[in-house]
N, C-alpha and C. Protein backbone atom coordinates (compact mmCIF):
# COMPACT_ATOMS: atom_id res chain seq x y z
N MET A 1 -8.34 22.37 -7.42
CA MET A 1 -8.36 21.20 -6.39
C MET A 1 -9.53 21.86 -5.09
N THR A 2 -9.64 20.81 -4.66
CA THR A 2 -10.62 20.92 -3.08
C THR A 2 -9.82 20.78 -2.04
N ALA A 3 -10.29 21.52 -1.05
CA ALA A 3 -9.63 21.40 0.27
C ALA A 3 -9.52 19.99 0.57
N SER A 4 -10.68 18.99 0.52
CA SER A 4 -10.76 17.50 1.00
C SER A 4 -9.36 16.92 0.01
N PHE A 5 -9.31 17.34 -1.19
CA PHE A 5 -8.21 16.42 -1.87
C PHE A 5 -6.79 17.00 -1.22
N LEU A 6 -6.70 18.36 -0.89
CA LEU A 6 -5.20 18.75 -0.43
C LEU A 6 -5.28 18.03 0.92
N ILE A 7 -5.98 17.91 1.73
CA ILE A 7 -5.92 17.21 2.95
C ILE A 7 -5.45 16.02 2.85
N LEU A 8 -6.13 15.15 1.99
CA LEU A 8 -6.02 13.63 1.89
C LEU A 8 -4.34 13.76 1.22
N ALA A 9 -4.05 14.49 0.21
CA ALA A 9 -2.72 14.61 -0.43
C ALA A 9 -1.60 14.59 0.67
N LEU A 10 -2.04 15.97 1.72
CA LEU A 10 -1.10 16.04 2.56
C LEU A 10 -0.88 14.86 3.50
N LEU A 11 -1.90 14.37 3.80
CA LEU A 11 -2.02 12.86 4.66
C LEU A 11 -1.36 11.98 4.20
N THR A 12 -1.48 11.66 2.80
CA THR A 12 -0.65 10.63 2.32
C THR A 12 0.83 10.78 2.10
N VAL A 13 1.07 11.93 1.81
CA VAL A 13 2.62 12.20 1.50
C VAL A 13 3.19 12.51 2.94
N ALA A 14 2.59 12.92 4.20
CA ALA A 14 3.29 12.70 5.30
C ALA A 14 3.68 11.48 5.76
N GLY A 15 2.64 10.56 5.29
CA GLY A 15 2.46 9.37 6.04
C GLY A 15 3.71 8.33 5.50
N THR A 16 3.88 8.55 4.17
CA THR A 16 4.91 8.00 3.16
C THR A 16 6.55 8.40 3.48
N ALA A 17 6.17 9.84 3.93
CA ALA A 17 7.59 10.57 4.35
C ALA A 17 7.87 10.27 5.71
N ALA A 18 6.96 9.88 6.33
CA ALA A 18 7.37 9.24 7.76
C ALA A 18 7.85 7.85 7.98
N ALA A 19 7.24 7.15 6.97
CA ALA A 19 7.68 5.52 6.44
C ALA A 19 9.08 5.77 6.04
N MET A 20 9.44 6.61 5.30
CA MET A 20 10.78 6.62 4.96
C MET A 20 12.06 7.16 5.68
N GLY A 21 11.37 7.96 6.50
CA GLY A 21 12.51 8.87 7.49
C GLY A 21 12.64 8.20 8.76
N LEU A 22 11.80 7.37 9.60
CA LEU A 22 11.83 6.88 11.03
C LEU A 22 12.65 5.69 10.85
N ARG A 23 13.27 5.52 11.96
CA ARG A 23 14.24 4.46 12.23
C ARG A 23 13.84 3.44 12.83
N ASN A 24 12.71 3.35 13.56
CA ASN A 24 11.71 2.36 14.23
C ASN A 24 10.98 1.46 13.10
N ALA A 25 10.93 0.11 12.98
CA ALA A 25 10.21 -0.61 12.00
C ALA A 25 9.02 -0.48 12.07
N VAL A 26 8.28 -0.69 13.46
CA VAL A 26 6.82 -0.73 13.56
C VAL A 26 6.73 0.69 13.27
N HIS A 27 6.80 1.70 13.74
CA HIS A 27 6.68 3.00 13.18
C HIS A 27 6.73 3.16 11.97
N CYS A 28 7.65 2.62 11.17
CA CYS A 28 7.48 2.92 9.65
C CYS A 28 6.34 2.34 8.96
N VAL A 29 6.06 0.84 9.24
CA VAL A 29 4.93 0.22 8.94
C VAL A 29 3.62 1.00 9.29
N LEU A 30 3.38 1.67 10.45
CA LEU A 30 2.34 2.36 10.73
C LEU A 30 2.25 3.26 10.07
N ALA A 31 3.34 3.93 9.90
CA ALA A 31 3.28 5.50 8.94
C ALA A 31 2.88 5.21 7.41
N LEU A 32 3.44 3.84 6.78
CA LEU A 32 2.88 3.64 5.76
C LEU A 32 1.55 3.01 5.76
N THR A 33 1.11 2.36 6.60
CA THR A 33 -0.48 2.18 6.67
C THR A 33 -1.21 3.54 6.55
N LEU A 34 -0.68 4.46 7.31
CA LEU A 34 -1.65 5.78 6.95
C LEU A 34 -1.38 6.41 5.39
N GLY A 35 -0.16 6.11 4.73
CA GLY A 35 -0.33 6.53 3.41
C GLY A 35 -1.06 5.67 2.44
N PHE A 36 -1.07 4.30 2.79
CA PHE A 36 -2.15 3.25 2.27
C PHE A 36 -3.58 3.91 2.33
N ALA A 37 -3.84 4.34 3.62
CA ALA A 37 -5.36 4.89 4.02
C ALA A 37 -5.47 5.95 3.12
N GLY A 38 -4.37 7.11 2.76
CA GLY A 38 -4.54 8.14 2.37
C GLY A 38 -4.84 8.23 0.78
N ILE A 39 -4.22 6.97 0.27
CA ILE A 39 -4.30 6.63 -1.28
C ILE A 39 -5.80 6.07 -1.31
N ALA A 40 -6.16 5.32 -0.47
CA ALA A 40 -7.53 4.78 -0.86
C ALA A 40 -8.49 5.78 -0.77
N ALA A 41 -8.36 6.70 0.40
CA ALA A 41 -9.31 7.88 0.77
C ALA A 41 -9.50 8.53 -0.69
N LEU A 42 -8.45 8.79 -1.44
CA LEU A 42 -8.25 9.57 -2.73
C LEU A 42 -8.99 8.76 -3.80
N TYR A 43 -8.61 7.38 -3.93
CA TYR A 43 -9.48 6.71 -4.83
C TYR A 43 -11.00 6.77 -4.87
N LEU A 44 -11.42 6.68 -3.56
CA LEU A 44 -12.91 6.83 -3.03
C LEU A 44 -13.13 8.40 -3.35
N GLN A 45 -12.66 9.21 -3.38
CA GLN A 45 -13.16 10.71 -3.28
C GLN A 45 -13.10 10.76 -5.15
N LEU A 46 -12.17 10.10 -5.85
CA LEU A 46 -12.29 10.22 -7.33
C LEU A 46 -13.41 9.44 -8.06
N GLY A 47 -13.91 8.46 -7.04
CA GLY A 47 -15.05 7.75 -7.72
C GLY A 47 -14.82 6.45 -7.76
N ALA A 48 -13.87 5.76 -7.85
CA ALA A 48 -13.36 4.46 -7.76
C ALA A 48 -13.35 3.75 -6.96
N GLN A 49 -14.87 3.35 -6.25
CA GLN A 49 -14.92 2.68 -5.31
C GLN A 49 -14.46 1.25 -5.17
N PHE A 50 -14.39 0.54 -6.29
CA PHE A 50 -13.84 -0.83 -6.02
C PHE A 50 -12.10 -0.66 -5.78
N VAL A 51 -11.58 0.21 -6.50
CA VAL A 51 -10.18 0.18 -6.19
C VAL A 51 -9.88 0.84 -4.94
N GLY A 52 -10.52 1.82 -4.43
CA GLY A 52 -10.54 2.21 -3.00
C GLY A 52 -10.85 1.19 -2.00
N LEU A 53 -11.67 0.41 -2.25
CA LEU A 53 -12.20 -0.47 -1.18
C LEU A 53 -11.15 -1.62 -1.11
N ALA A 54 -10.57 -2.02 -2.47
CA ALA A 54 -9.42 -2.93 -2.61
C ALA A 54 -8.56 -2.44 -1.88
N GLN A 55 -7.99 -1.37 -2.10
CA GLN A 55 -6.67 -0.50 -1.55
C GLN A 55 -6.94 -0.91 0.04
N ILE A 56 -8.13 -0.80 0.55
CA ILE A 56 -7.88 -0.51 2.08
C ILE A 56 -7.81 -2.22 2.52
N MET A 57 -8.91 -3.14 1.77
CA MET A 57 -8.93 -4.38 2.40
C MET A 57 -7.41 -5.36 2.11
N VAL A 58 -6.75 -4.92 0.97
CA VAL A 58 -5.47 -5.61 0.58
C VAL A 58 -4.21 -4.87 1.11
N TYR A 59 -4.10 -3.72 1.14
CA TYR A 59 -3.08 -2.79 1.92
C TYR A 59 -2.96 -2.51 3.37
N VAL A 60 -4.05 -1.94 3.31
CA VAL A 60 -4.32 -1.42 5.06
C VAL A 60 -4.87 -2.49 5.67
N GLY A 61 -5.51 -3.37 5.37
CA GLY A 61 -6.10 -4.61 6.11
C GLY A 61 -5.15 -5.78 6.07
N ALA A 62 -4.06 -6.06 5.22
CA ALA A 62 -3.69 -7.31 5.02
C ALA A 62 -2.32 -7.03 5.12
N VAL A 63 -1.71 -6.28 4.15
CA VAL A 63 -0.10 -6.30 3.98
C VAL A 63 0.22 -5.40 5.09
N ALA A 64 -0.19 -4.34 5.61
CA ALA A 64 0.33 -3.54 6.72
C ALA A 64 0.31 -4.41 7.91
N ILE A 65 -0.92 -5.17 8.33
CA ILE A 65 -0.91 -5.74 9.39
C ILE A 65 -0.04 -6.84 9.34
N LEU A 66 0.10 -7.65 8.27
CA LEU A 66 0.98 -8.77 8.26
C LEU A 66 2.64 -8.08 8.32
N ALA A 67 2.69 -6.76 8.19
CA ALA A 67 4.15 -6.42 8.26
C ALA A 67 4.27 -6.13 9.76
N VAL A 68 3.49 -5.77 10.17
CA VAL A 68 3.39 -5.26 11.54
C VAL A 68 3.78 -6.47 12.47
N PHE A 69 3.03 -7.50 12.26
CA PHE A 69 3.29 -8.77 12.91
C PHE A 69 4.36 -9.40 12.65
N ALA A 70 5.03 -9.32 11.38
CA ALA A 70 6.28 -9.86 11.00
C ALA A 70 7.61 -9.19 11.89
N ILE A 71 7.13 -8.19 11.99
CA ILE A 71 8.17 -7.13 12.54
C ILE A 71 8.28 -7.51 14.36
N MET A 72 7.36 -7.42 14.78
CA MET A 72 6.51 -7.80 16.22
C MET A 72 7.46 -9.26 16.30
N MET A 73 7.40 -10.00 15.61
CA MET A 73 7.56 -11.45 15.80
C MET A 73 8.94 -11.75 15.89
N THR A 74 9.84 -10.83 14.97
CA THR A 74 11.21 -10.91 14.89
C THR A 74 11.78 -9.79 15.54
N HIS A 75 11.58 -8.83 16.21
CA HIS A 75 12.29 -7.71 16.85
C HIS A 75 12.70 -8.45 18.12
N LYS A 76 13.76 -7.87 18.24
CA LYS A 76 14.51 -8.03 19.70
C LYS A 76 14.52 -6.92 20.41
N PRO A 77 13.61 -7.18 21.54
CA PRO A 77 13.50 -6.16 22.32
C PRO A 77 14.38 -5.46 23.15
N GLY A 78 15.62 -6.01 23.40
CA GLY A 78 16.68 -5.26 23.99
C GLY A 78 17.28 -4.06 23.05
N GLN A 79 17.23 -4.13 21.90
CA GLN A 79 17.82 -3.15 20.97
C GLN A 79 16.82 -1.85 21.10
N ALA A 80 17.79 -0.90 21.51
CA ALA A 80 17.25 0.48 21.64
C ALA A 80 17.47 1.39 20.40
N GLU A 81 16.93 2.15 19.97
CA GLU A 81 16.73 2.83 18.78
C GLU A 81 17.70 4.19 19.19
N ALA A 82 18.65 4.61 18.67
CA ALA A 82 19.38 5.76 19.04
C ALA A 82 18.78 7.18 18.55
N SER A 83 18.23 7.16 17.58
CA SER A 83 17.65 8.42 17.23
C SER A 83 16.15 8.10 16.38
N VAL A 84 15.05 8.88 16.44
CA VAL A 84 13.94 8.46 15.87
C VAL A 84 14.19 8.63 14.21
N PHE A 85 14.88 9.49 13.81
CA PHE A 85 15.09 9.77 12.24
C PHE A 85 16.30 9.21 11.81
N SER A 86 16.47 8.75 10.40
CA SER A 86 17.59 8.24 9.84
C SER A 86 18.74 9.21 10.00
N SER A 87 20.10 8.76 9.75
CA SER A 87 21.06 9.92 9.74
C SER A 87 21.34 10.24 8.40
N HIS A 88 20.76 9.55 7.41
CA HIS A 88 20.83 10.04 5.84
C HIS A 88 19.52 10.69 5.49
N TRP A 89 18.66 11.31 6.08
CA TRP A 89 17.54 12.25 6.10
C TRP A 89 17.83 13.20 4.81
N ILE A 90 19.04 14.05 4.96
CA ILE A 90 19.25 14.97 3.88
C ILE A 90 19.31 14.52 2.58
N ALA A 91 20.43 13.48 2.49
CA ALA A 91 20.42 12.85 1.27
C ALA A 91 19.19 12.41 0.68
N GLY A 92 18.52 11.78 1.37
CA GLY A 92 17.39 10.91 0.98
C GLY A 92 16.10 12.27 0.41
N GLY A 93 16.19 13.60 1.21
CA GLY A 93 15.29 14.55 0.98
C GLY A 93 15.51 15.15 -0.42
N VAL A 94 17.19 15.46 -0.60
CA VAL A 94 18.03 15.81 -1.95
C VAL A 94 17.48 14.93 -2.90
N VAL A 95 17.37 13.59 -2.98
CA VAL A 95 17.09 12.68 -3.97
C VAL A 95 15.58 12.52 -4.24
N ALA A 96 14.71 12.82 -3.42
CA ALA A 96 13.36 12.93 -3.37
C ALA A 96 13.00 14.33 -4.22
N ALA A 97 13.61 15.40 -3.77
CA ALA A 97 13.23 16.60 -4.46
C ALA A 97 13.72 16.29 -6.06
N ALA A 98 14.68 16.10 -6.36
CA ALA A 98 15.35 15.70 -7.54
C ALA A 98 14.14 14.68 -8.56
N VAL A 99 13.88 13.65 -7.90
CA VAL A 99 12.81 12.87 -8.76
C VAL A 99 11.63 13.64 -8.57
N PHE A 100 11.13 14.09 -7.68
CA PHE A 100 9.97 15.11 -7.66
C PHE A 100 10.05 16.27 -9.17
N ALA A 101 11.21 16.97 -9.06
CA ALA A 101 11.51 17.71 -10.31
C ALA A 101 11.49 17.38 -11.51
N VAL A 102 12.15 16.01 -11.54
CA VAL A 102 12.19 15.52 -12.95
C VAL A 102 10.54 14.96 -13.50
N LEU A 103 9.94 14.52 -12.55
CA LEU A 103 8.49 13.74 -12.51
C LEU A 103 7.63 15.20 -12.93
N ALA A 104 7.75 16.31 -12.17
CA ALA A 104 6.63 17.15 -12.64
C ALA A 104 7.23 17.95 -13.88
N TRP A 105 8.56 18.07 -14.11
CA TRP A 105 8.87 18.41 -15.81
C TRP A 105 8.35 17.59 -16.99
N ALA A 106 8.43 16.12 -16.72
CA ALA A 106 7.95 15.13 -17.20
C ALA A 106 6.41 15.35 -17.64
N ILE A 107 5.62 15.63 -16.59
CA ILE A 107 4.17 15.70 -16.97
C ILE A 107 3.79 16.88 -17.36
N ALA A 108 4.42 18.06 -17.10
CA ALA A 108 4.13 19.41 -17.42
C ALA A 108 4.29 19.67 -18.87
N SER A 109 5.51 18.82 -19.30
CA SER A 109 5.84 18.62 -20.80
C SER A 109 5.28 17.76 -21.82
N SER A 110 4.34 16.94 -21.10
CA SER A 110 3.78 16.01 -21.70
C SER A 110 2.91 16.48 -22.56
N GLU A 111 2.39 15.78 -23.76
CA GLU A 111 1.41 16.17 -24.75
C GLU A 111 -0.01 15.35 -24.24
N ALA A 112 -0.06 14.70 -23.43
CA ALA A 112 -1.16 13.84 -22.81
C ALA A 112 -2.00 14.78 -21.90
N VAL A 113 -1.35 15.70 -21.28
CA VAL A 113 -2.12 16.66 -20.28
C VAL A 113 -2.94 17.58 -21.12
N PHE A 114 -2.64 17.63 -22.58
CA PHE A 114 -3.58 18.89 -23.22
C PHE A 114 -4.84 17.86 -23.99
N GLN A 115 -4.65 16.67 -23.84
CA GLN A 115 -5.54 15.88 -24.65
C GLN A 115 -6.91 15.67 -23.91
N LEU A 116 -8.01 15.44 -24.63
CA LEU A 116 -9.22 15.25 -23.80
C LEU A 116 -9.59 13.90 -23.26
N LEU A 117 -10.42 13.58 -22.30
CA LEU A 117 -10.39 12.34 -21.60
C LEU A 117 -11.11 11.46 -22.12
N PRO A 118 -11.18 10.13 -22.51
CA PRO A 118 -12.42 9.36 -23.09
C PRO A 118 -13.63 9.23 -22.18
N PRO A 119 -14.63 9.00 -22.86
CA PRO A 119 -15.72 8.80 -21.75
C PRO A 119 -15.35 7.54 -20.71
N GLN A 120 -15.85 8.08 -19.46
CA GLN A 120 -15.69 7.14 -18.55
C GLN A 120 -16.61 5.78 -18.91
N PRO A 121 -16.16 4.47 -18.56
CA PRO A 121 -17.16 3.24 -18.56
C PRO A 121 -18.18 3.23 -17.38
N ASP A 122 -19.35 2.74 -17.57
CA ASP A 122 -20.48 2.72 -16.51
C ASP A 122 -20.00 1.19 -15.86
N VAL A 123 -18.95 1.41 -14.97
CA VAL A 123 -18.61 0.42 -14.08
C VAL A 123 -18.68 0.82 -12.47
N THR A 124 -19.68 -0.35 -11.92
CA THR A 124 -19.59 0.03 -10.46
C THR A 124 -19.30 -1.50 -9.77
N VAL A 125 -19.25 -1.21 -8.44
CA VAL A 125 -19.03 -2.24 -7.53
C VAL A 125 -20.09 -3.24 -7.78
N GLN A 126 -21.27 -3.00 -7.65
CA GLN A 126 -22.07 -3.80 -7.83
C GLN A 126 -21.95 -4.83 -9.36
N LYS A 127 -21.68 -4.26 -10.39
CA LYS A 127 -21.22 -5.29 -11.57
C LYS A 127 -20.12 -5.99 -11.60
N ILE A 128 -18.99 -5.33 -10.74
CA ILE A 128 -18.16 -6.23 -10.75
C ILE A 128 -18.12 -7.22 -9.70
N GLY A 129 -18.89 -7.24 -8.86
CA GLY A 129 -19.25 -8.13 -7.88
C GLY A 129 -20.12 -9.36 -8.61
N ASP A 130 -21.22 -8.60 -9.23
CA ASP A 130 -22.09 -9.69 -10.17
C ASP A 130 -21.18 -10.43 -11.32
N ALA A 131 -20.16 -9.88 -11.78
CA ALA A 131 -19.40 -10.78 -12.83
C ALA A 131 -18.56 -11.67 -12.08
N LEU A 132 -17.98 -11.16 -10.91
CA LEU A 132 -17.19 -12.34 -10.15
C LEU A 132 -18.09 -13.36 -9.55
N MET A 133 -19.41 -13.08 -9.13
CA MET A 133 -20.18 -14.40 -8.69
C MET A 133 -20.78 -15.16 -9.60
N HIS A 134 -20.93 -14.66 -11.06
CA HIS A 134 -22.02 -15.34 -12.14
C HIS A 134 -20.87 -15.83 -12.98
N ARG A 135 -20.17 -14.85 -13.68
CA ARG A 135 -19.41 -15.30 -14.93
C ARG A 135 -18.12 -15.57 -14.42
N PHE A 136 -17.55 -15.29 -13.55
CA PHE A 136 -16.13 -15.64 -13.02
C PHE A 136 -16.05 -16.44 -11.81
N VAL A 137 -17.17 -17.29 -11.30
CA VAL A 137 -17.13 -17.69 -10.10
C VAL A 137 -16.08 -18.98 -10.11
N LEU A 138 -15.80 -19.44 -11.13
CA LEU A 138 -14.94 -20.72 -11.22
C LEU A 138 -13.43 -20.38 -11.01
N PRO A 139 -12.80 -19.15 -11.59
CA PRO A 139 -11.60 -18.75 -11.55
C PRO A 139 -11.52 -18.11 -10.23
N LEU A 140 -12.36 -17.59 -9.57
CA LEU A 140 -12.64 -16.94 -8.21
C LEU A 140 -12.32 -17.88 -7.16
N GLU A 141 -12.71 -19.15 -7.27
CA GLU A 141 -12.86 -20.52 -6.33
C GLU A 141 -11.54 -21.01 -6.54
N ILE A 142 -11.17 -21.09 -7.75
CA ILE A 142 -9.69 -21.78 -7.85
C ILE A 142 -8.60 -20.75 -7.30
N MET A 143 -8.76 -19.60 -7.51
CA MET A 143 -7.85 -18.56 -6.78
C MET A 143 -8.04 -18.89 -5.07
N GLY A 144 -9.08 -18.86 -4.53
CA GLY A 144 -9.21 -19.18 -3.11
C GLY A 144 -8.49 -20.34 -2.81
N LEU A 145 -8.57 -21.54 -3.35
CA LEU A 145 -8.10 -22.91 -3.25
C LEU A 145 -6.58 -22.69 -3.41
N LEU A 146 -6.13 -21.99 -4.57
CA LEU A 146 -4.53 -21.80 -4.77
C LEU A 146 -3.87 -21.01 -3.34
N LEU A 147 -4.55 -19.94 -2.66
CA LEU A 147 -4.06 -19.32 -1.76
C LEU A 147 -3.93 -20.02 -0.52
N THR A 148 -5.36 -21.00 -0.36
CA THR A 148 -5.21 -21.74 0.77
C THR A 148 -4.17 -22.51 0.76
N ALA A 149 -3.97 -23.32 -0.21
CA ALA A 149 -2.79 -24.19 -0.40
C ALA A 149 -1.41 -23.56 -0.02
N ALA A 150 -1.34 -22.38 -0.84
CA ALA A 150 -0.07 -21.94 -0.43
C ALA A 150 -0.09 -21.29 1.18
N LEU A 151 -1.10 -21.00 1.86
CA LEU A 151 -1.07 -20.71 3.10
C LEU A 151 -0.82 -21.85 3.85
N ILE A 152 -1.10 -22.99 3.80
CA ILE A 152 -0.95 -24.35 4.47
C ILE A 152 0.46 -24.85 4.00
N GLY A 153 1.03 -24.66 2.66
CA GLY A 153 2.47 -24.96 2.25
C GLY A 153 3.26 -24.24 3.25
N ALA A 154 2.92 -22.62 3.49
CA ALA A 154 4.09 -21.89 4.38
C ALA A 154 3.93 -22.41 5.90
N VAL A 155 2.85 -22.79 6.32
CA VAL A 155 2.93 -23.46 7.50
C VAL A 155 3.48 -24.72 7.72
N VAL A 156 3.24 -25.48 6.74
CA VAL A 156 4.18 -26.73 6.82
C VAL A 156 5.53 -26.32 6.94
N ILE A 157 6.13 -25.26 6.10
CA ILE A 157 7.74 -25.20 5.67
C ILE A 157 8.19 -24.60 7.38
N ALA A 158 7.33 -23.69 7.71
CA ALA A 158 7.65 -22.99 9.12
C ALA A 158 7.90 -24.13 10.01
N MET A 159 6.92 -25.01 10.15
CA MET A 159 6.88 -26.15 11.13
C MET A 159 8.11 -26.96 11.19
N ASP A 160 8.44 -27.27 9.71
CA ASP A 160 9.82 -28.19 9.32
C ASP A 160 11.22 -27.45 10.00
N ARG A 161 11.17 -26.39 9.52
CA ARG A 161 12.21 -25.25 10.13
C ARG A 161 12.24 -25.43 11.73
N LYS A 162 11.22 -25.03 12.28
CA LYS A 162 11.31 -25.04 13.88
C LYS A 162 11.25 -26.23 14.50
N GLU A 163 11.40 -27.66 13.85
CA GLU A 163 11.78 -28.62 14.39
C GLU A 163 13.14 -29.06 14.19
N GLU A 164 13.76 -28.33 13.10
CA GLU A 164 15.14 -28.67 12.81
C GLU A 164 16.03 -27.75 13.76
N THR A 165 15.47 -26.70 14.24
CA THR A 165 16.16 -25.97 15.08
C THR A 165 16.09 -26.65 16.39
N LYS A 166 15.22 -27.44 16.82
CA LYS A 166 15.28 -27.94 18.11
C LYS A 166 16.23 -29.11 18.26
């Protein structure tokens, strides 16, 4: 293991552990964003550029920001948090340690650990982009239209609910 892998792994685990342990929802989402960014950095370090960049764009750039906005829009400012950490952190830590122990035992006793890796395919981000823009351009455009229609539908439904409450 390299030092950069250990640093990224600790960053990822710390971010996701904070996301599970903090009580403030905004802090949880920001800590989860740190975990997502750590996973993306691990993908990039392993040479999976497309997966790493997709992780950054989809999870860090879209899902986490959407969650922060949703929480901020529905948050009641008068509520004060009693404590930063959840009161059940000991039980959560015990369950997490038990799950880690079972997973570590399953990985260590697996026969797949000792098998040789197959040769890696020669796939780059450039090749994926060329395939999306040449061979699969019609499905890509259909997905764009479908997502746009879903977004417009969500806005229309939200507008109807607002008018009913008035």
